[in-house]
Amino acid sequence: MDKDRMILQKLSDLKDLNRPDYLELDSSYVITGGIIKKDDKVIASGRVKLFEEEILSFKEELLIILKGRALELFMNAAVKECEENGVQQLHAFIEDKNFAKVLISHFGFEHVEGIPLVLNLPRK
């Protein structure tokens, strides 16, 4: 057997006893994943989860007070739906720093480190 060969085992193929503790599977939103083994040792794991993103648009001429009320109604409904369906996180990608501050201060969003990336599928 080639010593550099790595093997991917899908989650569905893993027995519970062989699954590493750090491979979280407590969400029904995990749709696939697996572990990578080298020399029968787990060297990496990964999973794909469904992703919840908030998308909200306002008419530009709308008064700020009406935007605030609309945002509050939308957020209350979005949070309720997510909680009722077991969604653990709600993501928002914001370009306007002032709007980001509103989401943080009024709705509890948190700043996360990293660079948001997207892979559009299907690949061409």
PDB file of N, CA and C in Angstrom:
ATOM      1  N   MET A   1       0.844  -1.187   0.000  1.00  0.00           N
ATOM      2  CA  MET A   1       0.000   0.000   0.000  1.00  0.00           C
ATOM      3  C   MET A   1       0.886   1.247   0.000  1.00  0.00           C
ATOM      4  N   ASP A   2       0.541   2.224  -0.830  1.00  0.00           N
ATOM      5  CA  ASP A   2       1.278   3.481  -0.934  1.00  0.00           C
ATOM      6  C   ASP A   2       1.155   4.264   0.365  1.00  0.00           C
ATOM      7  N   LYS A   3       2.302   4.614   0.998  1.00  0.00           N
ATOM      8  CA  LYS A   3       2.271   5.294   2.303  1.00  0.00           C
ATOM      9  C   LYS A   3       1.653   6.685   2.225  1.00  0.00           C
ATOM     10  N   ASP A   4       1.697   7.329   1.061  1.00  0.00           N
ATOM     11  CA  ASP A   4       1.128   8.675   0.921  1.00  0.00           C
ATOM     12  C   ASP A   4      -0.354   8.640   0.562  1.00  0.00           C
ATOM     13  N   ARG A   5      -0.892   7.473   0.394  1.00  0.00           N
ATOM     14  CA  ARG A   5      -2.288   7.361  -0.007  1.00  0.00           C
ATOM     15  C   ARG A   5      -3.207   7.753   1.141  1.00  0.00           C
ATOM     16  N   MET A   6      -4.173   8.608   0.832  1.00  0.00           N
ATOM     17  CA  MET A   6      -5.166   9.005   1.822  1.00  0.00           C
ATOM     18  C   MET A   6      -6.514   8.454   1.378  1.00  0.00           C
ATOM     19  N   ILE A   7      -7.340   8.114   2.339  1.00  0.00           N
ATOM     20  CA  ILE A   7      -8.637   7.507   2.060  1.00  0.00           C
ATOM     21  C   ILE A   7      -9.729   8.392   2.646  1.00  0.00           C
ATOM     22  N   LEU A   8     -10.730   8.684   1.832  1.00  0.00           N
ATOM     23  CA  LEU A   8     -11.903   9.426   2.305  1.00  0.00           C
ATOM     24  C   LEU A   8     -13.001   8.429   2.627  1.00  0.00           C
ATOM     25  N   GLN A   9     -13.504   8.498   3.849  1.00  0.00           N
ATOM     26  CA  GLN A   9     -14.651   7.682   4.231  1.00  0.00           C
ATOM     27  C   GLN A   9     -15.818   8.615   4.480  1.00  0.00           C
ATOM     28  N   LYS A  10     -16.921   8.374   3.776  1.00  0.00           N
ATOM     29  CA  LYS A  10     -18.104   9.194   3.972  1.00  0.00           C
ATOM     30  C   LYS A  10     -18.720   8.918   5.334  1.00  0.00           C
ATOM     31  N   LEU A  11     -19.407   9.922   5.859  1.00  0.00           N
ATOM     32  CA  LEU A  11     -20.064   9.761   7.160  1.00  0.00           C
ATOM     33  C   LEU A  11     -20.994   8.567   7.175  1.00  0.00           C
ATOM     34  N   SER A  12     -21.699   8.389   6.082  1.00  0.00           N
ATOM     35  CA  SER A  12     -22.670   7.291   6.040  1.00  0.00           C
ATOM     36  C   SER A  12     -21.997   5.926   6.134  1.00  0.00           C
ATOM     37  N   ASP A  13     -20.710   5.854   5.820  1.00  0.00           N
ATOM     38  CA  ASP A  13     -19.979   4.594   5.880  1.00  0.00           C
ATOM     39  C   ASP A  13     -19.301   4.350   7.228  1.00  0.00           C
ATOM     40  N   LEU A  14     -19.302   5.353   8.093  1.00  0.00           N
ATOM     41  CA  LEU A  14     -18.588   5.239   9.360  1.00  0.00           C
ATOM     42  C   LEU A  14     -19.470   4.623  10.438  1.00  0.00           C
ATOM     43  N   LYS A  15     -18.892   3.753  11.203  1.00  0.00           N
ATOM     44  CA  LYS A  15     -19.574   3.230  12.387  1.00  0.00           C
ATOM     45  C   LYS A  15     -19.417   4.261  13.500  1.00  0.00           C
ATOM     46  N   ASP A  16     -20.395   4.369  14.371  1.00  0.00           N
ATOM     47  CA  ASP A  16     -20.332   5.352  15.460  1.00  0.00           C
ATOM     48  C   ASP A  16     -19.050   5.237  16.273  1.00  0.00           C
ATOM     49  N   LEU A  17     -18.571   4.029  16.478  1.00  0.00           N
ATOM     50  CA  LEU A  17     -17.375   3.827  17.295  1.00  0.00           C
ATOM     51  C   LEU A  17     -16.112   4.371  16.622  1.00  0.00           C
ATOM     52  N   ASN A  18     -16.140   4.484  15.303  1.00  0.00           N
ATOM     53  CA  ASN A  18     -14.969   4.958  14.571  1.00  0.00           C
ATOM     54  C   ASN A  18     -14.998   6.456  14.298  1.00  0.00           C
ATOM     55  N   ARG A  19     -16.079   7.098  14.648  1.00  0.00           N
ATOM     56  CA  ARG A  19     -16.207   8.526  14.352  1.00  0.00           C
ATOM     57  C   ARG A  19     -15.463   9.340  15.400  1.00  0.00           C
ATOM     58  N   PRO A  20     -14.578  10.242  15.000  1.00  0.00           N
ATOM     59  CA  PRO A  20     -13.878  11.066  15.986  1.00  0.00           C
ATOM     60  C   PRO A  20     -14.837  11.988  16.720  1.00  0.00           C
ATOM     61  N   ASP A  21     -14.533  12.269  17.978  1.00  0.00           N
ATOM     62  CA  ASP A  21     -15.382  13.125  18.798  1.00  0.00           C
ATOM     63  C   ASP A  21     -15.568  14.508  18.203  1.00  0.00           C
ATOM     64  N   TYR A  22     -14.551  15.019  17.529  1.00  0.00           N
ATOM     65  CA  TYR A  22     -14.627  16.377  17.008  1.00  0.00           C
ATOM     66  C   TYR A  22     -15.447  16.490  15.727  1.00  0.00           C
ATOM     67  N   LEU A  23     -15.909  15.374  15.189  1.00  0.00           N
ATOM     68  CA  LEU A  23     -16.745  15.421  13.995  1.00  0.00           C
ATOM     69  C   LEU A  23     -18.196  15.546  14.431  1.00  0.00           C
ATOM     70  N   GLU A  24     -18.645  16.787  14.548  1.00  0.00           N
ATOM     71  CA  GLU A  24     -19.992  17.063  15.063  1.00  0.00           C
ATOM     72  C   GLU A  24     -21.049  16.627  14.062  1.00  0.00           C
ATOM     73  N   LEU A  25     -21.989  15.850  14.546  1.00  0.00           N
ATOM     74  CA  LEU A  25     -23.084  15.402  13.694  1.00  0.00           C
ATOM     75  C   LEU A  25     -24.423  15.636  14.373  1.00  0.00           C
ATOM     76  N   ASP A  26     -24.469  16.620  15.270  1.00  0.00           N
ATOM     77  CA  ASP A  26     -25.671  16.829  16.058  1.00  0.00           C
ATOM     78  C   ASP A  26     -26.725  17.652  15.324  1.00  0.00           C
ATOM     79  N   SER A  27     -26.500  17.962  14.096  1.00  0.00           N
ATOM     80  CA  SER A  27     -27.442  18.794  13.362  1.00  0.00           C
ATOM     81  C   SER A  27     -28.041  18.013  12.204  1.00  0.00           C
ATOM     82  N   SER A  28     -29.341  18.138  12.040  1.00  0.00           N
ATOM     83  CA  SER A  28     -29.987  17.527  10.884  1.00  0.00           C
ATOM     84  C   SER A  28     -29.619  18.280   9.612  1.00  0.00           C
ATOM     85  N   TYR A  29     -28.918  19.398   9.757  1.00  0.00           N
ATOM     86  CA  TYR A  29     -28.527  20.195   8.599  1.00  0.00           C
ATOM     87  C   TYR A  29     -27.199  19.738   8.003  1.00  0.00           C
ATOM     88  N   VAL A  30     -26.564  18.717   8.594  1.00  0.00           N
ATOM     89  CA  VAL A  30     -25.381  18.129   7.979  1.00  0.00           C
ATOM     90  C   VAL A  30     -25.868  17.214   6.871  1.00  0.00           C
ATOM     91  N   ILE A  31     -25.457  17.500   5.633  1.00  0.00           N
ATOM     92  CA  ILE A  31     -25.964  16.697   4.518  1.00  0.00           C
ATOM     93  C   ILE A  31     -24.939  15.688   4.008  1.00  0.00           C
ATOM     94  N   THR A  32     -23.667  15.936   4.249  1.00  0.00           N
ATOM     95  CA  THR A  32     -22.641  14.962   3.898  1.00  0.00           C
ATOM     96  C   THR A  32     -21.352  15.336   4.619  1.00  0.00           C
ATOM     97  N   GLY A  33     -20.406  14.469   4.553  1.00  0.00           N
ATOM     98  CA  GLY A  33     -19.120  14.733   5.175  1.00  0.00           C
ATOM     99  C   GLY A  33     -18.331  13.455   5.273  1.00  0.00           C
ATOM    100  N   GLY A  34     -17.213  13.521   5.957  1.00  0.00           N
ATOM    101  CA  GLY A  34     -16.410  12.329   6.104  1.00  0.00           C
ATOM    102  C   GLY A  34     -15.119  12.612   6.820  1.00  0.00           C
ATOM    103  N   ILE A  35     -14.282  11.596   6.830  1.00  0.00           N
ATOM    104  CA  ILE A  35     -12.965  11.721   7.431  1.00  0.00           C
ATOM    105  C   ILE A  35     -11.929  11.321   6.393  1.00  0.00           C
ATOM    106  N   ILE A  36     -10.725  11.826   6.573  1.00  0.00           N
ATOM    107  CA  ILE A  36      -9.595  11.425   5.738  1.00  0.00           C
ATOM    108  C   ILE A  36      -8.648  10.646   6.639  1.00  0.00           C
ATOM    109  N   LYS A  37      -8.280   9.458   6.185  1.00  0.00           N
ATOM    110  CA  LYS A  37      -7.356   8.619   6.942  1.00  0.00           C
ATOM    111  C   LYS A  37      -6.056   8.464   6.164  1.00  0.00           C
ATOM    112  N   LYS A  38      -4.982   8.396   6.920  1.00  0.00           N
ATOM    113  CA  LYS A  38      -3.667   8.069   6.365  1.00  0.00           C
ATOM    114  C   LYS A  38      -3.046   7.082   7.340  1.00  0.00           C
ATOM    115  N   ASP A  39      -2.619   5.974   6.832  1.00  0.00           N
ATOM    116  CA  ASP A  39      -2.058   4.909   7.675  1.00  0.00           C
ATOM    117  C   ASP A  39      -3.016   4.543   8.805  1.00  0.00           C
ATOM    118  N   ASP A  40      -4.298   4.438   8.485  1.00  0.00           N
ATOM    119  CA  ASP A  40      -5.361   4.077   9.420  1.00  0.00           C
ATOM    120  C   ASP A  40      -5.550   5.069  10.561  1.00  0.00           C
ATOM    121  N   LYS A  41      -5.029   6.279  10.425  1.00  0.00           N
ATOM    122  CA  LYS A  41      -5.234   7.319  11.428  1.00  0.00           C
ATOM    123  C   LYS A  41      -5.998   8.464  10.799  1.00  0.00           C
ATOM    124  N   VAL A  42      -6.966   8.994  11.545  1.00  0.00           N
ATOM    125  CA  VAL A  42      -7.747  10.130  11.064  1.00  0.00           C
ATOM    126  C   VAL A  42      -6.859  11.364  11.078  1.00  0.00           C
ATOM    127  N   ILE A  43      -6.721  12.015   9.907  1.00  0.00           N
ATOM    128  CA  ILE A  43      -5.896  13.228   9.830  1.00  0.00           C
ATOM    129  C   ILE A  43      -6.735  14.473   9.519  1.00  0.00           C
ATOM    130  N   ALA A  44      -7.984  14.273   9.105  1.00  0.00           N
ATOM    131  CA  ALA A  44      -8.844  15.420   8.807  1.00  0.00           C
ATOM    132  C   ALA A  44     -10.295  14.961   8.790  1.00  0.00           C
ATOM    133  N   SER A  45     -11.185  15.898   9.023  1.00  0.00           N
ATOM    134  CA  SER A  45     -12.604  15.603   8.908  1.00  0.00           C
ATOM    135  C   SER A  45     -13.287  16.830   8.332  1.00  0.00           C
ATOM    136  N   GLY A  46     -14.432  16.612   7.753  1.00  0.00           N
ATOM    137  CA  GLY A  46     -15.185  17.736   7.194  1.00  0.00           C
ATOM    138  C   GLY A  46     -16.638  17.367   7.038  1.00  0.00           C
ATOM    139  N   ARG A  47     -17.452  18.384   6.921  1.00  0.00           N
ATOM    140  CA  ARG A  47     -18.878  18.156   6.729  1.00  0.00           C
ATOM    141  C   ARG A  47     -19.451  19.312   5.934  1.00  0.00           C
ATOM    142  N   VAL A  48     -20.570  19.062   5.307  1.00  0.00           N
ATOM    143  CA  VAL A  48     -21.301  20.084   4.563  1.00  0.00           C
ATOM    144  C   VAL A  48     -22.640  20.260   5.246  1.00  0.00           C
ATOM    145  N   LYS A  49     -22.909  21.496   5.646  1.00  0.00           N
ATOM    146  CA  LYS A  49     -24.182  21.803   6.297  1.00  0.00           C
ATOM    147  C   LYS A  49     -24.996  22.714   5.394  1.00  0.00           C
ATOM    148  N   LEU A  50     -26.299  22.571   5.490  1.00  0.00           N
ATOM    149  CA  LEU A  50     -27.151  23.565   4.856  1.00  0.00           C
ATOM    150  C   LEU A  50     -26.897  24.895   5.538  1.00  0.00           C
ATOM    151  N   PHE A  51     -27.045  25.970   4.827  1.00  0.00           N
ATOM    152  CA  PHE A  51     -26.616  27.283   5.294  1.00  0.00           C
ATOM    153  C   PHE A  51     -27.799  28.249   5.234  1.00  0.00           C
ATOM    154  N   GLU A  52     -28.033  28.946   6.322  1.00  0.00           N
ATOM    155  CA  GLU A  52     -29.127  29.908   6.385  1.00  0.00           C
ATOM    156  C   GLU A  52     -28.557  31.313   6.295  1.00  0.00           C
ATOM    157  N   GLU A  53     -29.001  32.047   5.298  1.00  0.00           N
ATOM    158  CA  GLU A  53     -28.533  33.409   5.082  1.00  0.00           C
ATOM    159  C   GLU A  53     -29.736  34.337   5.038  1.00  0.00           C
ATOM    160  N   GLU A  54     -29.589  35.440   5.709  1.00  0.00           N
ATOM    161  CA  GLU A  54     -30.642  36.450   5.715  1.00  0.00           C
ATOM    162  C   GLU A  54     -30.470  37.334   4.490  1.00  0.00           C
ATOM    163  N   ILE A  55     -31.544  37.523   3.734  1.00  0.00           N
ATOM    164  CA  ILE A  55     -31.524  38.419   2.578  1.00  0.00           C
ATOM    165  C   ILE A  55     -32.670  39.407   2.749  1.00  0.00           C
ATOM    166  N   LEU A  56     -32.327  40.664   2.789  1.00  0.00           N
ATOM    167  CA  LEU A  56     -33.320  41.702   3.045  1.00  0.00           C
ATOM    168  C   LEU A  56     -33.019  42.902   2.165  1.00  0.00           C
ATOM    169  N   SER A  57     -34.034  43.433   1.512  1.00  0.00           N
ATOM    170  CA  SER A  57     -33.877  44.614   0.664  1.00  0.00           C
ATOM    171  C   SER A  57     -34.912  45.643   1.057  1.00  0.00           C
ATOM    172  N   PHE A  58     -34.527  46.903   0.984  1.00  0.00           N
ATOM    173  CA  PHE A  58     -35.440  48.007   1.278  1.00  0.00           C
ATOM    174  C   PHE A  58     -35.558  48.901   0.049  1.00  0.00           C
ATOM    175  N   LYS A  59     -36.701  49.539  -0.087  1.00  0.00           N
ATOM    176  CA  LYS A  59     -36.806  50.604  -1.072  1.00  0.00           C
ATOM    177  C   LYS A  59     -35.925  51.749  -0.576  1.00  0.00           C
ATOM    178  N   GLU A  60     -35.123  52.297  -1.450  1.00  0.00           N
ATOM    179  CA  GLU A  60     -34.159  53.314  -1.023  1.00  0.00           C
ATOM    180  C   GLU A  60     -34.814  54.540  -0.423  1.00  0.00           C
ATOM    181  N   GLU A  61     -35.972  54.929  -0.942  1.00  0.00           N
ATOM    182  CA  GLU A  61     -36.611  56.167  -0.470  1.00  0.00           C
ATOM    183  C   GLU A  61     -37.369  55.984   0.845  1.00  0.00           C
ATOM    184  N   LEU A  62     -37.386  54.781   1.383  1.00  0.00           N
ATOM    185  CA  LEU A  62     -38.117  54.505   2.613  1.00  0.00           C
ATOM    186  C   LEU A  62     -37.500  55.252   3.795  1.00  0.00           C
ATOM    187  N   LEU A  63     -38.343  55.839   4.636  1.00  0.00           N
ATOM    188  CA  LEU A  63     -37.862  56.536   5.828  1.00  0.00           C
ATOM    189  C   LEU A  63     -37.147  55.561   6.748  1.00  0.00           C
ATOM    190  N   ILE A  64     -36.134  56.056   7.428  1.00  0.00           N
ATOM    191  CA  ILE A  64     -35.316  55.214   8.307  1.00  0.00           C
ATOM    192  C   ILE A  64     -36.146  54.526   9.394  1.00  0.00           C
ATOM    193  N   ILE A  65     -37.146  55.214   9.921  1.00  0.00           N
ATOM    194  CA  ILE A  65     -37.995  54.620  10.971  1.00  0.00           C
ATOM    195  C   ILE A  65     -38.784  53.434  10.413  1.00  0.00           C
ATOM    196  N   LEU A  66     -39.235  53.543   9.160  1.00  0.00           N
ATOM    197  CA  LEU A  66     -39.969  52.430   8.537  1.00  0.00           C
ATOM    198  C   LEU A  66     -39.027  51.271   8.224  1.00  0.00           C
ATOM    199  N   LYS A  67     -37.795  51.587   7.820  1.00  0.00           N
ATOM    200  CA  LYS A  67     -36.811  50.529   7.596  1.00  0.00           C
ATOM    201  C   LYS A  67     -36.554  49.769   8.902  1.00  0.00           C
ATOM    202  N   GLY A  68     -36.443  50.521   9.995  1.00  0.00           N
ATOM    203  CA  GLY A  68     -36.204  49.892  11.300  1.00  0.00           C
ATOM    204  C   GLY A  68     -37.341  48.978  11.715  1.00  0.00           C
ATOM    205  N   ARG A  69     -38.560  49.432  11.519  1.00  0.00           N
ATOM    206  CA  ARG A  69     -39.720  48.593  11.873  1.00  0.00           C
ATOM    207  C   ARG A  69     -39.793  47.355  10.989  1.00  0.00           C
ATOM    208  N   ALA A  70     -39.540  47.539   9.702  1.00  0.00           N
ATOM    209  CA  ALA A  70     -39.559  46.400   8.778  1.00  0.00           C
ATOM    210  C   ALA A  70     -38.469  45.389   9.144  1.00  0.00           C
ATOM    211  N   LEU A  71     -37.284  45.905   9.479  1.00  0.00           N
ATOM    212  CA  LEU A  71     -36.179  45.032   9.880  1.00  0.00           C
ATOM    213  C   LEU A  71     -36.538  44.242  11.130  1.00  0.00           C
ATOM    214  N   GLU A  72     -37.153  44.910  12.104  1.00  0.00           N
ATOM    215  CA  GLU A  72     -37.539  44.232  13.343  1.00  0.00           C
ATOM    216  C   GLU A  72     -38.552  43.122  13.074  1.00  0.00           C
ATOM    217  N   LEU A  73     -39.545  43.391  12.253  1.00  0.00           N
ATOM    218  CA  LEU A  73     -40.535  42.363  11.905  1.00  0.00           C
ATOM    219  C   LEU A  73     -39.881  41.191  11.179  1.00  0.00           C
ATOM    220  N   PHE A  74     -39.020  41.525  10.235  1.00  0.00           N
ATOM    221  CA  PHE A  74     -38.349  40.478   9.473  1.00  0.00           C
ATOM    222  C   PHE A  74     -37.464  39.622  10.372  1.00  0.00           C
ATOM    223  N   MET A  75     -36.667  40.271  11.220  1.00  0.00           N
ATOM    224  CA  MET A  75     -35.752  39.535  12.091  1.00  0.00           C
ATOM    225  C   MET A  75     -36.507  38.648  13.078  1.00  0.00           C
ATOM    226  N   ASN A  76     -37.567  39.164  13.661  1.00  0.00           N
ATOM    227  CA  ASN A  76     -38.353  38.349  14.595  1.00  0.00           C
ATOM    228  C   ASN A  76     -38.889  37.100  13.900  1.00  0.00           C
ATOM    229  N   ALA A  77     -39.391  37.269  12.683  1.00  0.00           N
ATOM    230  CA  ALA A  77     -39.925  36.129  11.937  1.00  0.00           C
ATOM    231  C   ALA A  77     -38.808  35.163  11.546  1.00  0.00           C
ATOM    232  N   ALA A  78     -37.669  35.698  11.106  1.00  0.00           N
ATOM    233  CA  ALA A  78     -36.557  34.839  10.685  1.00  0.00           C
ATOM    234  C   ALA A  78     -36.013  34.030  11.853  1.00  0.00           C
ATOM    235  N   VAL A  79     -35.824  34.672  12.990  1.00  0.00           N
ATOM    236  CA  VAL A  79     -35.312  33.978  14.176  1.00  0.00           C
ATOM    237  C   VAL A  79     -36.293  32.908  14.623  1.00  0.00           C
ATOM    238  N   LYS A  80     -37.568  33.237  14.644  1.00  0.00           N
ATOM    239  CA  LYS A  80     -38.594  32.269  15.054  1.00  0.00           C
ATOM    240  C   LYS A  80     -38.568  31.038  14.142  1.00  0.00           C
ATOM    241  N   GLU A  81     -38.546  31.265  12.836  1.00  0.00           N
ATOM    242  CA  GLU A  81     -38.517  30.150  11.878  1.00  0.00           C
ATOM    243  C   GLU A  81     -37.263  29.301  12.063  1.00  0.00           C
ATOM    244  N   CYS A  82     -36.128  29.954  12.240  1.00  0.00           N
ATOM    245  CA  CYS A  82     -34.876  29.212  12.426  1.00  0.00           C
ATOM    246  C   CYS A  82     -34.929  28.373  13.698  1.00  0.00           C
ATOM    247  N   GLU A  83     -35.370  28.971  14.798  1.00  0.00           N
ATOM    248  CA  GLU A  83     -35.445  28.229  16.061  1.00  0.00           C
ATOM    249  C   GLU A  83     -36.413  27.066  15.970  1.00  0.00           C
ATOM    250  N   GLU A  84     -37.548  27.266  15.326  1.00  0.00           N
ATOM    251  CA  GLU A  84     -38.542  26.188  15.200  1.00  0.00           C
ATOM    252  C   GLU A  84     -38.044  25.041  14.322  1.00  0.00           C
ATOM    253  N   ASN A  85     -37.087  25.344  13.439  1.00  0.00           N
ATOM    254  CA  ASN A  85     -36.589  24.321  12.526  1.00  0.00           C
ATOM    255  C   ASN A  85     -35.192  23.820  12.884  1.00  0.00           C
ATOM    256  N   GLY A  86     -34.727  24.160  14.081  1.00  0.00           N
ATOM    257  CA  GLY A  86     -33.454  23.644  14.551  1.00  0.00           C
ATOM    258  C   GLY A  86     -32.222  24.255  13.909  1.00  0.00           C
ATOM    259  N   VAL A  87     -32.381  25.389  13.253  1.00  0.00           N
ATOM    260  CA  VAL A  87     -31.237  26.062  12.632  1.00  0.00           C
ATOM    261  C   VAL A  87     -30.426  26.720  13.736  1.00  0.00           C
ATOM    262  N   GLN A  88     -29.139  26.483  13.749  1.00  0.00           N
ATOM    263  CA  GLN A  88     -28.284  26.929  14.839  1.00  0.00           C
ATOM    264  C   GLN A  88     -27.652  28.291  14.606  1.00  0.00           C
ATOM    265  N   GLN A  89     -27.596  28.742  13.368  1.00  0.00           N
ATOM    266  CA  GLN A  89     -26.982  30.035  13.072  1.00  0.00           C
ATOM    267  C   GLN A  89     -27.733  30.692  11.924  1.00  0.00           C
ATOM    268  N   LEU A  90     -27.750  32.015  11.947  1.00  0.00           N
ATOM    269  CA  LEU A  90     -28.299  32.815  10.855  1.00  0.00           C
ATOM    270  C   LEU A  90     -27.191  33.761  10.420  1.00  0.00           C
ATOM    271  N   HIS A  91     -26.842  33.735   9.156  1.00  0.00           N
ATOM    272  CA  HIS A  91     -25.732  34.526   8.646  1.00  0.00           C
ATOM    273  C   HIS A  91     -26.235  35.742   7.890  1.00  0.00           C
ATOM    274  N   ALA A  92     -25.466  36.827   7.959  1.00  0.00           N
ATOM    275  CA  ALA A  92     -25.761  38.037   7.194  1.00  0.00           C
ATOM    276  C   ALA A  92     -24.439  38.561   6.641  1.00  0.00           C
ATOM    277  N   PHE A  93     -24.413  38.858   5.364  1.00  0.00           N
ATOM    278  CA  PHE A  93     -23.234  39.445   4.730  1.00  0.00           C
ATOM    279  C   PHE A  93     -23.569  40.899   4.442  1.00  0.00           C
ATOM    280  N   ILE A  94     -22.872  41.789   5.119  1.00  0.00           N
ATOM    281  CA  ILE A  94     -23.230  43.203   5.121  1.00  0.00           C
ATOM    282  C   ILE A  94     -22.087  44.026   4.544  1.00  0.00           C
ATOM    283  N   GLU A  95     -22.414  44.909   3.604  1.00  0.00           N
ATOM    284  CA  GLU A  95     -21.411  45.821   3.064  1.00  0.00           C
ATOM    285  C   GLU A  95     -21.385  47.132   3.843  1.00  0.00           C
ATOM    286  N   ASP A  96     -22.520  47.589   4.314  1.00  0.00           N
ATOM    287  CA  ASP A  96     -22.645  48.866   5.024  1.00  0.00           C
ATOM    288  C   ASP A  96     -22.288  48.666   6.498  1.00  0.00           C
ATOM    289  N   LYS A  97     -21.203  49.284   6.942  1.00  0.00           N
ATOM    290  CA  LYS A  97     -20.733  49.100   8.328  1.00  0.00           C
ATOM    291  C   LYS A  97     -21.754  49.604   9.345  1.00  0.00           C
ATOM    292  N   ASN A  98     -22.481  50.652   9.017  1.00  0.00           N
ATOM    293  CA  ASN A  98     -23.492  51.166   9.944  1.00  0.00           C
ATOM    294  C   ASN A  98     -24.641  50.170  10.107  1.00  0.00           C
ATOM    295  N   PHE A  99     -25.037  49.539   9.017  1.00  0.00           N
ATOM    296  CA  PHE A  99     -26.099  48.541   9.091  1.00  0.00           C
ATOM    297  C   PHE A  99     -25.620  47.329   9.891  1.00  0.00           C
ATOM    298  N   ALA A 100     -24.351  46.968   9.724  1.00  0.00           N
ATOM    299  CA  ALA A 100     -23.788  45.866  10.514  1.00  0.00           C
ATOM    300  C   ALA A 100     -23.859  46.192  11.999  1.00  0.00           C
ATOM    301  N   LYS A 101     -23.571  47.438  12.362  1.00  0.00           N
ATOM    302  CA  LYS A 101     -23.645  47.849  13.768  1.00  0.00           C
ATOM    303  C   LYS A 101     -25.067  47.711  14.312  1.00  0.00           C
ATOM    304  N   VAL A 102     -26.059  48.014  13.483  1.00  0.00           N
ATOM    305  CA  VAL A 102     -27.467  47.862  13.886  1.00  0.00           C
ATOM    306  C   VAL A 102     -27.767  46.392  14.175  1.00  0.00           C
ATOM    307  N   LEU A 103     -27.349  45.513  13.286  1.00  0.00           N
ATOM    308  CA  LEU A 103     -27.605  44.079  13.489  1.00  0.00           C
ATOM    309  C   LEU A 103     -26.910  43.561  14.746  1.00  0.00           C
ATOM    310  N   ILE A 104     -25.729  44.071  15.010  1.00  0.00           N
ATOM    311  CA  ILE A 104     -24.987  43.647  16.204  1.00  0.00           C
ATOM    312  C   ILE A 104     -25.652  44.179  17.468  1.00  0.00           C
ATOM    313  N   SER A 105     -25.948  45.469  17.491  1.00  0.00           N
ATOM    314  CA  SER A 105     -26.455  46.072  18.732  1.00  0.00           C
ATOM    315  C   SER A 105     -27.915  45.747  19.018  1.00  0.00           C
ATOM    316  N   HIS A 106     -28.733  45.607  17.996  1.00  0.00           N
ATOM    317  CA  HIS A 106     -30.162  45.395  18.230  1.00  0.00           C
ATOM    318  C   HIS A 106     -30.606  43.932  18.150  1.00  0.00           C
ATOM    319  N   PHE A 107     -29.834  43.113  17.428  1.00  0.00           N
ATOM    320  CA  PHE A 107     -30.296  41.744  17.205  1.00  0.00           C
ATOM    321  C   PHE A 107     -29.319  40.669  17.664  1.00  0.00           C
ATOM    322  N   GLY A 108     -28.154  41.077  18.155  1.00  0.00           N
ATOM    323  CA  GLY A 108     -27.231  40.103  18.718  1.00  0.00           C
ATOM    324  C   GLY A 108     -26.309  39.409  17.731  1.00  0.00           C
ATOM    325  N   PHE A 109     -26.260  39.885  16.493  1.00  0.00           N
ATOM    326  CA  PHE A 109     -25.295  39.303  15.559  1.00  0.00           C
ATOM    327  C   PHE A 109     -23.895  39.515  16.112  1.00  0.00           C
ATOM    328  N   GLU A 110     -22.978  38.655  15.740  1.00  0.00           N
ATOM    329  CA  GLU A 110     -21.594  38.746  16.186  1.00  0.00           C
ATOM    330  C   GLU A 110     -20.680  38.862  14.980  1.00  0.00           C
ATOM    331  N   HIS A 111     -19.624  39.642  15.160  1.00  0.00           N
ATOM    332  CA  HIS A 111     -18.610  39.746  14.123  1.00  0.00           C
ATOM    333  C   HIS A 111     -17.798  38.458  14.133  1.00  0.00           C
ATOM    334  N   VAL A 112     -17.513  37.922  12.965  1.00  0.00           N
ATOM    335  CA  VAL A 112     -16.689  36.725  12.870  1.00  0.00           C
ATOM    336  C   VAL A 112     -15.431  37.045  12.071  1.00  0.00           C
ATOM    337  N   GLU A 113     -14.370  36.375  12.422  1.00  0.00           N
ATOM    338  CA  GLU A 113     -13.108  36.546  11.703  1.00  0.00           C
ATOM    339  C   GLU A 113     -13.147  35.701  10.442  1.00  0.00           C
ATOM    340  N   GLY A 114     -12.380  36.098   9.490  1.00  0.00           N
ATOM    341  CA  GLY A 114     -12.268  35.311   8.278  1.00  0.00           C
ATOM    342  C   GLY A 114     -12.736  36.085   7.060  1.00  0.00           C
ATOM    343  N   ILE A 115     -12.586  35.465   5.947  1.00  0.00           N
ATOM    344  CA  ILE A 115     -12.958  36.063   4.673  1.00  0.00           C
ATOM    345  C   ILE A 115     -14.105  35.238   4.099  1.00  0.00           C
ATOM    346  N   PRO A 116     -15.267  35.857   3.924  1.00  0.00           N
ATOM    347  CA  PRO A 116     -16.376  35.085   3.343  1.00  0.00           C
ATOM    348  C   PRO A 116     -16.069  34.737   1.884  1.00  0.00           C
ATOM    349  N   LEU A 117     -16.254  33.484   1.562  1.00  0.00           N
ATOM    350  CA  LEU A 117     -16.050  33.015   0.197  1.00  0.00           C
ATOM    351  C   LEU A 117     -17.278  32.236  -0.241  1.00  0.00           C
ATOM    352  N   VAL A 118     -17.498  32.160  -1.534  1.00  0.00           N
ATOM    353  CA  VAL A 118     -18.602  31.372  -2.050  1.00  0.00           C
ATOM    354  C   VAL A 118     -18.122  30.596  -3.270  1.00  0.00           C
ATOM    355  N   LEU A 119     -18.597  29.388  -3.417  1.00  0.00           N
ATOM    356  CA  LEU A 119     -18.339  28.579  -4.599  1.00  0.00           C
ATOM    357  C   LEU A 119     -19.686  28.397  -5.279  1.00  0.00           C
ATOM    358  N   ASN A 120     -19.850  29.007  -6.443  1.00  0.00           N
ATOM    359  CA  ASN A 120     -21.104  28.879  -7.179  1.00  0.00           C
ATOM    360  C   ASN A 120     -21.123  27.537  -7.898  1.00  0.00           C
ATOM    361  N   LEU A 121     -22.234  26.850  -7.761  1.00  0.00           N
ATOM    362  CA  LEU A 121     -22.396  25.538  -8.370  1.00  0.00           C
ATOM    363  C   LEU A 121     -23.574  25.548  -9.324  1.00  0.00           C
ATOM    364  N   PRO A 122     -23.611  24.764 -10.341  1.00  0.00           N
ATOM    365  CA  PRO A 122     -22.557  23.829 -10.714  1.00  0.00           C
ATOM    366  C   PRO A 122     -21.364  24.574 -11.330  1.00  0.00           C
ATOM    367  N   ARG A 123     -20.185  23.961 -11.157  1.00  0.00           N
ATOM    368  CA  ARG A 123     -18.977  24.553 -11.743  1.00  0.00           C
ATOM    369  C   ARG A 123     -19.004  24.356 -13.239  1.00  0.00           C
ATOM    370  N   LYS A 124     -18.445  25.308 -13.951  1.00  0.00           N
ATOM    371  CA  LYS A 124     -18.437  25.215 -15.417  1.00  0.00           C
ATOM    372  C   LYS A 124     -17.088  24.825 -15.929  1.00  0.00           C
TER     373      LYS A 124
END
